[in-house]
Amino acid sequence: MISGVGTNDSLERAFSSYVKACLQHAQKDYFEKLRRDSTYVVPMDAVTFEININYLVGQHNLPQHQHIPVLSQIPELSLLTSKEQRLLYHKYYEDKTDKEIARLLGTSRQAVS
């Protein structure tokens, strides 16, 4: 009975030692990677710059569509409000998502769908 307690105690110490060693190695690896990544320099000629015009201009600065010629070809659509016509134009002609349309029209996504 006493030998069983000693075996469990030595097993627990061995396991604790193993976990401690694993944590120390993980810590060393983490800080080594952090140091290595912080010293990495990207040459300027290797970087490609892309300008997103939509981001710079912003959709809210563009003039709103007052009369949409594509939709005027369907007489039934003239009964819709200007906002509803813009919604249809963005949805089916420009293939925008509900989220994008909601942002453009200043409404919620649920109102668009």
N, C-alpha and C. Protein backbone atom coordinates (compact mmCIF):
# COMPACT_ATOMS: atom_id res chain seq x y z
N MET A 1 0.81 -1.18 0.00
CA MET A 1 0.00 0.00 0.00
C MET A 1 0.87 1.25 0.00
N ILE A 2 1.90 1.28 0.80
CA ILE A 2 2.78 2.44 0.88
C ILE A 2 3.56 2.59 -0.42
N SER A 3 3.94 1.49 -1.04
CA SER A 3 4.69 1.57 -2.29
C SER A 3 3.82 2.15 -3.42
N GLY A 4 2.51 1.93 -3.36
CA GLY A 4 1.60 2.49 -4.36
C GLY A 4 1.54 4.01 -4.29
N VAL A 5 1.57 4.55 -3.09
CA VAL A 5 1.54 6.00 -2.92
C VAL A 5 2.84 6.60 -3.44
N GLY A 6 3.96 5.96 -3.17
CA GLY A 6 5.26 6.45 -3.64
C GLY A 6 5.35 6.41 -5.16
N THR A 7 4.77 5.39 -5.78
CA THR A 7 4.78 5.27 -7.24
C THR A 7 3.96 6.39 -7.87
N ASN A 8 2.78 6.65 -7.29
CA ASN A 8 1.95 7.75 -7.81
C ASN A 8 2.64 9.10 -7.66
N ASP A 9 3.33 9.26 -6.53
CA ASP A 9 4.02 10.52 -6.27
C ASP A 9 5.16 10.73 -7.26
N SER A 10 5.93 9.68 -7.51
CA SER A 10 7.05 9.80 -8.46
C SER A 10 6.53 9.97 -9.89
N LEU A 11 5.41 9.32 -10.21
CA LEU A 11 4.80 9.46 -11.52
C LEU A 11 4.30 10.90 -11.72
N GLU A 12 3.72 11.46 -10.67
CA GLU A 12 3.23 12.83 -10.74
C GLU A 12 4.38 13.82 -10.92
N ARG A 13 5.49 13.59 -10.22
CA ARG A 13 6.66 14.46 -10.37
C ARG A 13 7.24 14.36 -11.78
N ALA A 14 7.29 13.14 -12.31
CA ALA A 14 7.82 12.95 -13.67
C ALA A 14 6.93 13.66 -14.70
N PHE A 15 5.62 13.54 -14.52
CA PHE A 15 4.69 14.19 -15.44
C PHE A 15 4.80 15.72 -15.34
N SER A 16 4.91 16.22 -14.12
CA SER A 16 5.07 17.67 -13.92
C SER A 16 6.35 18.17 -14.57
N SER A 17 7.41 17.38 -14.45
CA SER A 17 8.68 17.75 -15.07
C SER A 17 8.55 17.77 -16.59
N TYR A 18 7.84 16.81 -17.15
CA TYR A 18 7.62 16.74 -18.60
C TYR A 18 6.81 17.96 -19.08
N VAL A 19 5.73 18.29 -18.38
CA VAL A 19 4.90 19.43 -18.76
C VAL A 19 5.70 20.73 -18.67
N LYS A 20 6.53 20.85 -17.63
CA LYS A 20 7.35 22.05 -17.46
C LYS A 20 8.33 22.19 -18.62
N ALA A 21 8.95 21.08 -19.02
CA ALA A 21 9.90 21.12 -20.14
C ALA A 21 9.18 21.49 -21.44
N CYS A 22 7.98 20.96 -21.65
CA CYS A 22 7.20 21.29 -22.86
C CYS A 22 6.86 22.78 -22.90
N LEU A 23 6.45 23.32 -21.76
CA LEU A 23 6.10 24.74 -21.71
C LEU A 23 7.32 25.62 -21.94
N GLN A 24 8.47 25.22 -21.40
CA GLN A 24 9.68 26.00 -21.60
C GLN A 24 10.09 26.01 -23.07
N HIS A 25 9.98 24.86 -23.74
CA HIS A 25 10.32 24.78 -25.16
C HIS A 25 9.34 25.60 -26.00
N ALA A 26 8.06 25.54 -25.66
CA ALA A 26 7.06 26.32 -26.39
C ALA A 26 7.31 27.81 -26.21
N GLN A 27 7.68 28.22 -25.01
CA GLN A 27 7.98 29.62 -24.74
C GLN A 27 9.19 30.07 -25.55
N LYS A 28 10.22 29.25 -25.57
CA LYS A 28 11.43 29.58 -26.32
C LYS A 28 11.12 29.69 -27.81
N ASP A 29 10.34 28.75 -28.34
CA ASP A 29 9.98 28.78 -29.76
C ASP A 29 9.14 30.02 -30.09
N TYR A 30 8.23 30.37 -29.21
CA TYR A 30 7.36 31.53 -29.44
C TYR A 30 8.17 32.81 -29.52
N PHE A 31 9.05 33.02 -28.55
CA PHE A 31 9.83 34.26 -28.53
C PHE A 31 10.88 34.28 -29.64
N GLU A 32 11.39 33.12 -30.03
CA GLU A 32 12.32 33.06 -31.16
C GLU A 32 11.60 33.46 -32.45
N LYS A 33 10.39 32.97 -32.64
CA LYS A 33 9.61 33.33 -33.83
C LYS A 33 9.26 34.81 -33.80
N LEU A 34 8.90 35.33 -32.65
CA LEU A 34 8.57 36.74 -32.51
C LEU A 34 9.78 37.61 -32.87
N ARG A 35 10.95 37.23 -32.39
CA ARG A 35 12.17 37.97 -32.70
C ARG A 35 12.50 37.88 -34.19
N ARG A 36 12.38 36.69 -34.76
CA ARG A 36 12.69 36.47 -36.17
C ARG A 36 11.74 37.28 -37.06
N ASP A 37 10.45 37.30 -36.73
CA ASP A 37 9.47 38.04 -37.53
C ASP A 37 9.66 39.55 -37.41
N SER A 38 10.10 40.02 -36.25
CA SER A 38 10.27 41.47 -36.07
C SER A 38 11.51 41.99 -36.79
N THR A 39 12.48 41.14 -37.07
CA THR A 39 13.69 41.59 -37.74
C THR A 39 13.61 41.42 -39.25
N TYR A 40 12.53 40.83 -39.76
CA TYR A 40 12.38 40.61 -41.19
C TYR A 40 12.01 41.91 -41.88
N VAL A 41 12.78 42.30 -42.88
CA VAL A 41 12.54 43.55 -43.59
C VAL A 41 12.17 43.22 -45.03
N VAL A 42 11.09 43.81 -45.51
CA VAL A 42 10.66 43.60 -46.88
C VAL A 42 11.23 44.72 -47.74
N PRO A 43 11.96 44.39 -48.80
CA PRO A 43 12.48 45.43 -49.68
C PRO A 43 11.33 46.16 -50.39
N MET A 44 11.49 47.45 -50.61
CA MET A 44 10.42 48.25 -51.21
C MET A 44 10.08 47.82 -52.63
N ASP A 45 11.06 47.31 -53.38
CA ASP A 45 10.76 46.90 -54.74
C ASP A 45 10.00 45.57 -54.78
N ALA A 46 9.93 44.86 -53.68
CA ALA A 46 9.19 43.60 -53.63
C ALA A 46 7.72 43.83 -53.28
N VAL A 47 7.39 45.02 -52.83
CA VAL A 47 6.02 45.32 -52.43
C VAL A 47 5.26 45.88 -53.62
N THR A 48 4.08 45.33 -53.87
CA THR A 48 3.24 45.87 -54.93
C THR A 48 2.14 46.71 -54.30
N PHE A 49 1.93 47.86 -54.86
CA PHE A 49 0.91 48.76 -54.35
C PHE A 49 -0.29 48.73 -55.29
N GLU A 50 -1.45 48.55 -54.72
CA GLU A 50 -2.68 48.60 -55.49
C GLU A 50 -3.58 49.66 -54.88
N ILE A 51 -4.15 50.46 -55.72
CA ILE A 51 -5.03 51.52 -55.24
C ILE A 51 -6.46 51.09 -55.50
N ASN A 52 -7.24 51.09 -54.45
CA ASN A 52 -8.65 50.76 -54.57
C ASN A 52 -9.42 52.06 -54.71
N ILE A 53 -9.82 52.37 -55.93
CA ILE A 53 -10.50 53.64 -56.20
C ILE A 53 -11.83 53.71 -55.47
N ASN A 54 -12.53 52.59 -55.38
CA ASN A 54 -13.82 52.60 -54.68
C ASN A 54 -13.64 53.00 -53.22
N TYR A 55 -12.54 52.58 -52.61
CA TYR A 55 -12.29 52.95 -51.22
C TYR A 55 -11.98 54.44 -51.10
N LEU A 56 -11.20 54.97 -52.05
CA LEU A 56 -10.82 56.37 -51.98
C LEU A 56 -11.99 57.31 -52.25
N VAL A 57 -12.78 56.98 -53.25
CA VAL A 57 -13.89 57.84 -53.62
C VAL A 57 -15.05 57.68 -52.66
N GLY A 58 -15.41 56.44 -52.36
CA GLY A 58 -16.54 56.17 -51.48
C GLY A 58 -17.84 56.31 -52.24
N GLN A 59 -18.72 55.39 -52.06
CA GLN A 59 -19.98 55.40 -52.79
C GLN A 59 -20.88 56.56 -52.39
N HIS A 60 -20.77 57.03 -51.16
CA HIS A 60 -21.65 58.09 -50.71
C HIS A 60 -21.32 59.44 -51.34
N ASN A 61 -20.13 59.60 -51.94
CA ASN A 61 -19.76 60.86 -52.59
C ASN A 61 -20.23 60.93 -54.04
N LEU A 62 -20.63 59.81 -54.60
CA LEU A 62 -21.07 59.79 -55.98
C LEU A 62 -22.51 60.27 -56.09
N PRO A 63 -22.88 60.88 -57.20
CA PRO A 63 -24.28 61.31 -57.35
C PRO A 63 -25.21 60.10 -57.41
N GLN A 64 -26.37 60.26 -56.83
CA GLN A 64 -27.35 59.18 -56.82
C GLN A 64 -28.06 59.12 -58.18
N HIS A 65 -28.50 57.93 -58.56
CA HIS A 65 -29.23 57.76 -59.81
C HIS A 65 -30.62 58.35 -59.65
N GLN A 66 -30.96 59.33 -60.46
CA GLN A 66 -32.30 59.88 -60.44
C GLN A 66 -33.19 59.15 -61.43
N HIS A 67 -32.64 58.90 -62.61
CA HIS A 67 -33.40 58.20 -63.63
C HIS A 67 -32.51 57.08 -64.16
N ILE A 68 -32.98 55.86 -64.07
CA ILE A 68 -32.18 54.71 -64.49
C ILE A 68 -32.72 54.23 -65.82
N PRO A 69 -31.96 54.42 -66.92
CA PRO A 69 -32.48 54.08 -68.25
C PRO A 69 -32.79 52.59 -68.43
N VAL A 70 -32.03 51.74 -67.77
CA VAL A 70 -32.27 50.30 -67.92
C VAL A 70 -33.65 49.94 -67.40
N LEU A 71 -34.03 50.53 -66.28
CA LEU A 71 -35.32 50.20 -65.68
C LEU A 71 -36.48 50.89 -66.39
N SER A 72 -36.22 51.96 -67.13
CA SER A 72 -37.31 52.66 -67.81
C SER A 72 -37.87 51.87 -68.98
N GLN A 73 -37.19 50.82 -69.37
CA GLN A 73 -37.67 49.98 -70.47
C GLN A 73 -38.82 49.08 -70.03
N ILE A 74 -39.02 48.94 -68.75
CA ILE A 74 -40.12 48.12 -68.21
C ILE A 74 -41.14 49.08 -67.61
N PRO A 75 -42.30 49.22 -68.24
CA PRO A 75 -43.27 50.23 -67.78
C PRO A 75 -43.79 50.02 -66.36
N GLU A 76 -43.90 48.79 -65.92
CA GLU A 76 -44.42 48.51 -64.58
C GLU A 76 -43.50 49.05 -63.48
N LEU A 77 -42.22 49.13 -63.78
CA LEU A 77 -41.27 49.60 -62.78
C LEU A 77 -41.36 51.10 -62.54
N SER A 78 -42.03 51.82 -63.41
CA SER A 78 -42.17 53.26 -63.20
C SER A 78 -43.09 53.57 -62.02
N LEU A 79 -43.85 52.57 -61.57
CA LEU A 79 -44.71 52.75 -60.41
C LEU A 79 -43.93 52.71 -59.10
N LEU A 80 -42.70 52.21 -59.16
CA LEU A 80 -41.88 52.10 -57.95
C LEU A 80 -41.27 53.45 -57.59
N THR A 81 -40.93 53.59 -56.32
CA THR A 81 -40.24 54.81 -55.89
C THR A 81 -38.81 54.81 -56.40
N SER A 82 -38.17 55.96 -56.32
CA SER A 82 -36.79 56.09 -56.78
C SER A 82 -35.86 55.16 -56.00
N LYS A 83 -36.10 55.04 -54.70
CA LYS A 83 -35.26 54.18 -53.86
C LYS A 83 -35.43 52.71 -54.25
N GLU A 84 -36.66 52.30 -54.53
CA GLU A 84 -36.92 50.92 -54.93
C GLU A 84 -36.29 50.64 -56.29
N GLN A 85 -36.33 51.62 -57.19
CA GLN A 85 -35.70 51.44 -58.50
C GLN A 85 -34.18 51.32 -58.35
N ARG A 86 -33.59 52.14 -57.49
CA ARG A 86 -32.14 52.04 -57.25
C ARG A 86 -31.78 50.69 -56.67
N LEU A 87 -32.63 50.19 -55.77
CA LEU A 87 -32.39 48.88 -55.17
C LEU A 87 -32.37 47.80 -56.24
N LEU A 88 -33.36 47.81 -57.13
CA LEU A 88 -33.40 46.82 -58.21
C LEU A 88 -32.21 46.97 -59.14
N TYR A 89 -31.82 48.20 -59.43
CA TYR A 89 -30.68 48.45 -60.31
C TYR A 89 -29.41 47.85 -59.71
N HIS A 90 -29.16 48.14 -58.44
CA HIS A 90 -27.95 47.61 -57.79
C HIS A 90 -28.00 46.10 -57.67
N LYS A 91 -29.17 45.57 -57.38
CA LYS A 91 -29.31 44.13 -57.14
C LYS A 91 -29.13 43.32 -58.42
N TYR A 92 -29.82 43.70 -59.48
CA TYR A 92 -29.86 42.86 -60.67
C TYR A 92 -28.99 43.36 -61.82
N TYR A 93 -28.68 44.63 -61.86
CA TYR A 93 -27.86 45.13 -62.95
C TYR A 93 -26.39 45.19 -62.57
N GLU A 94 -26.11 45.62 -61.33
CA GLU A 94 -24.72 45.70 -60.88
C GLU A 94 -24.29 44.48 -60.06
N ASP A 95 -25.19 43.55 -59.79
CA ASP A 95 -24.91 42.32 -59.04
C ASP A 95 -24.26 42.60 -57.68
N LYS A 96 -24.77 43.55 -56.97
CA LYS A 96 -24.26 43.86 -55.63
C LYS A 96 -24.97 42.98 -54.60
N THR A 97 -24.29 42.76 -53.50
CA THR A 97 -24.88 41.97 -52.42
C THR A 97 -25.85 42.83 -51.62
N ASP A 98 -26.69 42.18 -50.83
CA ASP A 98 -27.65 42.90 -50.00
C ASP A 98 -26.94 43.83 -49.03
N LYS A 99 -25.81 43.40 -48.52
CA LYS A 99 -25.05 44.20 -47.57
C LYS A 99 -24.52 45.48 -48.23
N GLU A 100 -24.01 45.35 -49.46
CA GLU A 100 -23.50 46.52 -50.18
C GLU A 100 -24.63 47.49 -50.51
N ILE A 101 -25.77 46.94 -50.94
CA ILE A 101 -26.91 47.79 -51.29
C ILE A 101 -27.42 48.53 -50.05
N ALA A 102 -27.48 47.84 -48.93
CA ALA A 102 -27.94 48.46 -47.70
C ALA A 102 -27.03 49.62 -47.31
N ARG A 103 -25.72 49.44 -47.49
CA ARG A 103 -24.77 50.51 -47.17
C ARG A 103 -24.97 51.69 -48.12
N LEU A 104 -25.18 51.41 -49.41
CA LEU A 104 -25.38 52.48 -50.38
C LEU A 104 -26.66 53.27 -50.13
N LEU A 105 -27.73 52.57 -49.78
CA LEU A 105 -29.03 53.22 -49.60
C LEU A 105 -29.25 53.71 -48.18
N GLY A 106 -28.37 53.35 -47.27
CA GLY A 106 -28.51 53.79 -45.89
C GLY A 106 -29.63 53.09 -45.14
N THR A 107 -29.85 51.81 -45.47
CA THR A 107 -30.87 51.02 -44.78
C THR A 107 -30.23 49.76 -44.22
N SER A 108 -31.03 48.96 -43.56
CA SER A 108 -30.51 47.70 -43.03
C SER A 108 -30.52 46.63 -44.13
N ARG A 109 -29.72 45.60 -43.92
CA ARG A 109 -29.67 44.51 -44.89
C ARG A 109 -31.01 43.79 -44.97
N GLN A 110 -31.71 43.68 -43.87
CA GLN A 110 -33.01 43.02 -43.85
C GLN A 110 -34.02 43.80 -44.69
N ALA A 111 -33.93 45.12 -44.70
CA ALA A 111 -34.85 45.93 -45.50
C ALA A 111 -34.61 45.73 -46.99
N VAL A 112 -33.37 45.43 -47.35
CA VAL A 112 -33.05 45.20 -48.76
C VAL A 112 -33.60 43.87 -49.23
N SER A 113 -33.46 42.84 -48.41
CA SER A 113 -33.94 41.52 -48.83
C SER A 113 -35.41 41.40 -48.52
